[in-house]
C-alpha atoms as a PDB file:
ATOM      1  CA  UNK A   1     -18.631 -11.795  22.694  1.00  0.00           C
ATOM      2  CA  UNK A   2     -16.105  -9.172  21.129  1.00  0.00           C
ATOM      3  CA  UNK A   3     -13.928 -10.232  18.566  1.00  0.00           C
ATOM      4  CA  UNK A   4     -11.010 -11.230  20.911  1.00  0.00           C
ATOM      5  CA  UNK A   5     -13.403 -13.160  22.931  1.00  0.00           C
ATOM      6  CA  UNK A   6     -14.220 -14.980  19.947  1.00  0.00           C
ATOM      7  CA  UNK A   7     -10.717 -15.212  18.881  1.00  0.00           C
ATOM      8  CA  UNK A   8      -9.620 -16.692  21.733  1.00  0.00           C
ATOM      9  CA  UNK A   9     -11.999 -19.221  21.971  1.00  0.00           C
ATOM     10  CA  UNK A  10     -11.891 -20.437  18.447  1.00  0.00           C
ATOM     11  CA  UNK A  11      -8.138 -20.631  19.736  1.00  0.00           C
ATOM     12  CA  UNK A  12      -8.672 -22.886  22.342  1.00  0.00           C
ATOM     13  CA  UNK A  13     -11.145 -25.132  20.613  1.00  0.00           C
ATOM     14  CA  UNK A  14      -9.191 -25.671  17.425  1.00  0.00           C
ATOM     15  CA  UNK A  15      -7.574 -29.143  16.112  1.00  0.00           C
ATOM     16  CA  UNK A  16      -5.157 -28.064  13.837  1.00  0.00           C
ATOM     17  CA  UNK A  17      -2.019 -26.356  14.892  1.00  0.00           C
ATOM     18  CA  UNK A  18      -1.404 -24.318  12.624  1.00  0.00           C
ATOM     19  CA  UNK A  19      -4.696 -22.745  12.617  1.00  0.00           C
ATOM     20  CA  UNK A  20      -4.115 -22.284  16.133  1.00  0.00           C
ATOM     21  CA  UNK A  21      -0.882 -20.359  15.349  1.00  0.00           C
ATOM     22  CA  UNK A  22      -2.727 -18.068  13.043  1.00  0.00           C
ATOM     23  CA  UNK A  23      -5.648 -17.612  15.436  1.00  0.00           C
ATOM     24  CA  UNK A  24      -3.387 -16.958  18.536  1.00  0.00           C
ATOM     25  CA  UNK A  25      -1.417 -14.865  16.361  1.00  0.00           C
ATOM     26  CA  UNK A  26      -4.754 -12.595  15.140  1.00  0.00           C
ATOM     27  CA  UNK A  27      -5.540 -13.501  19.646  1.00  0.00           C
ATOM     28  CA  UNK A  28      -1.823 -11.414  20.670  1.00  0.00           C
ATOM     29  CA  UNK A  29      -2.112  -9.030  17.262  1.00  0.00           C
ATOM     30  CA  UNK A  30      -5.572  -7.403  18.347  1.00  0.00           C
ATOM     31  CA  UNK A  31      -4.645  -6.924  22.432  1.00  0.00           C
ATOM     32  CA  UNK A  32      -1.312  -5.631  21.759  1.00  0.00           C
ATOM     33  CA  UNK A  33      -2.825  -3.424  18.948  1.00  0.00           C
ATOM     34  CA  UNK A  34      -6.154  -2.408  21.221  1.00  0.00           C
ATOM     35  CA  UNK A  35      -4.625  -1.835  24.419  1.00  0.00           C
ATOM     36  CA  UNK A  36      -0.974  -0.550  24.485  1.00  0.00           C
ATOM     37  CA  UNK A  37       0.865   2.240  23.533  1.00  0.00           C
ATOM     38  CA  UNK A  38       3.097   1.282  20.187  1.00  0.00           C
ATOM     39  CA  UNK A  39       1.286  -1.714  20.077  1.00  0.00           C
ATOM     40  CA  UNK A  40       0.418  -1.286  16.149  1.00  0.00           C
ATOM     41  CA  UNK A  41       3.934  -1.981  15.364  1.00  0.00           C
ATOM     42  CA  UNK A  42       4.565  -4.971  17.535  1.00  0.00           C
ATOM     43  CA  UNK A  43       1.079  -6.368  15.896  1.00  0.00           C
ATOM     44  CA  UNK A  44       2.726  -5.545  12.862  1.00  0.00           C
ATOM     45  CA  UNK A  45       5.507  -7.859  13.393  1.00  0.00           C
ATOM     46  CA  UNK A  46       3.300 -10.859  14.908  1.00  0.00           C
ATOM     47  CA  UNK A  47       0.911 -11.028  12.021  1.00  0.00           C
ATOM     48  CA  UNK A  48       4.242 -11.283  10.116  1.00  0.00           C
ATOM     49  CA  UNK A  49       5.212 -14.028  12.080  1.00  0.00           C
ATOM     50  CA  UNK A  50       2.131 -15.831  11.588  1.00  0.00           C
ATOM     51  CA  UNK A  51       1.617 -15.201   7.177  1.00  0.00           C
ATOM     52  CA  UNK A  52       3.619 -18.533   6.641  1.00  0.00           C
ATOM     53  CA  UNK A  53       0.940 -20.336   9.182  1.00  0.00           C
ATOM     54  CA  UNK A  54      -1.767 -18.854   7.043  1.00  0.00           C
ATOM     55  CA  UNK A  55      -0.734 -19.447   3.344  1.00  0.00           C
ATOM     56  CA  UNK A  56      -2.401 -21.534   2.002  1.00  0.00           C
ATOM     57  CA  UNK A  57      -6.130 -20.858   4.178  1.00  0.00           C
ATOM     58  CA  UNK A  58      -8.576 -18.862   4.896  1.00  0.00           C
ATOM     59  CA  UNK A  59      -6.721 -16.824   6.908  1.00  0.00           C
ATOM     60  CA  UNK A  60      -4.400 -15.824   4.532  1.00  0.00           C
ATOM     61  CA  UNK A  61      -6.252 -12.768   2.988  1.00  0.00           C
ATOM     62  CA  UNK A  62      -7.304 -11.792   6.407  1.00  0.00           C
ATOM     63  CA  UNK A  63      -3.302 -11.971   8.025  1.00  0.00           C
ATOM     64  CA  UNK A  64      -2.679  -9.633   5.403  1.00  0.00           C
ATOM     65  CA  UNK A  65      -5.185  -6.915   5.923  1.00  0.00           C
ATOM     66  CA  UNK A  66      -4.703  -6.823   9.737  1.00  0.00           C
ATOM     67  CA  UNK A  67      -1.074  -6.174   9.114  1.00  0.00           C
ATOM     68  CA  UNK A  68      -1.843  -3.989   6.660  1.00  0.00           C
ATOM     69  CA  UNK A  69      -3.850  -2.310   8.963  1.00  0.00           C
ATOM     70  CA  UNK A  70      -2.193  -2.495  11.658  1.00  0.00           C
ATOM     71  CA  UNK A  71       1.210  -1.054   9.696  1.00  0.00           C
ATOM     72  CA  UNK A  72      -0.443   1.801   8.867  1.00  0.00           C
ATOM     73  CA  UNK A  73      -1.945   1.970  12.166  1.00  0.00           C
ATOM     74  CA  UNK A  74       2.280   2.241  13.087  1.00  0.00           C
ATOM     75  CA  UNK A  75       2.519   5.017  10.464  1.00  0.00           C
ATOM     76  CA  UNK A  76       4.212   2.786   8.195  1.00  0.00           C
ATOM     77  CA  UNK A  77       2.919   3.571   4.793  1.00  0.00           C
ATOM     78  CA  UNK A  78       5.747   1.522   3.341  1.00  0.00           C
ATOM     79  CA  UNK A  79       4.703  -1.652   5.151  1.00  0.00           C
ATOM     80  CA  UNK A  80       1.162  -1.233   4.971  1.00  0.00           C
ATOM     81  CA  UNK A  81       1.356  -0.841   0.657  1.00  0.00           C
ATOM     82  CA  UNK A  82       3.472  -3.915   0.318  1.00  0.00           C
ATOM     83  CA  UNK A  83       2.191  -7.147  -0.810  1.00  0.00           C
END
């Protein structure tokens, strides 16, 4: 099972709407970044939108790290180093 499949399973079983939104955003960002040209830039946008939902949860650090990696992959050095 790869990370996208694992996150998809987690998304489908989470009861908390906030967690579900964060996990859904992670799944979508991972799919975009891995599958589509220019997907990294879109992944940055999606992860930025997921950030408020992740604040104060165990997902907060993961969202920030994934957003920074996606920004770096998109060539956006400022966004990669922000926060």
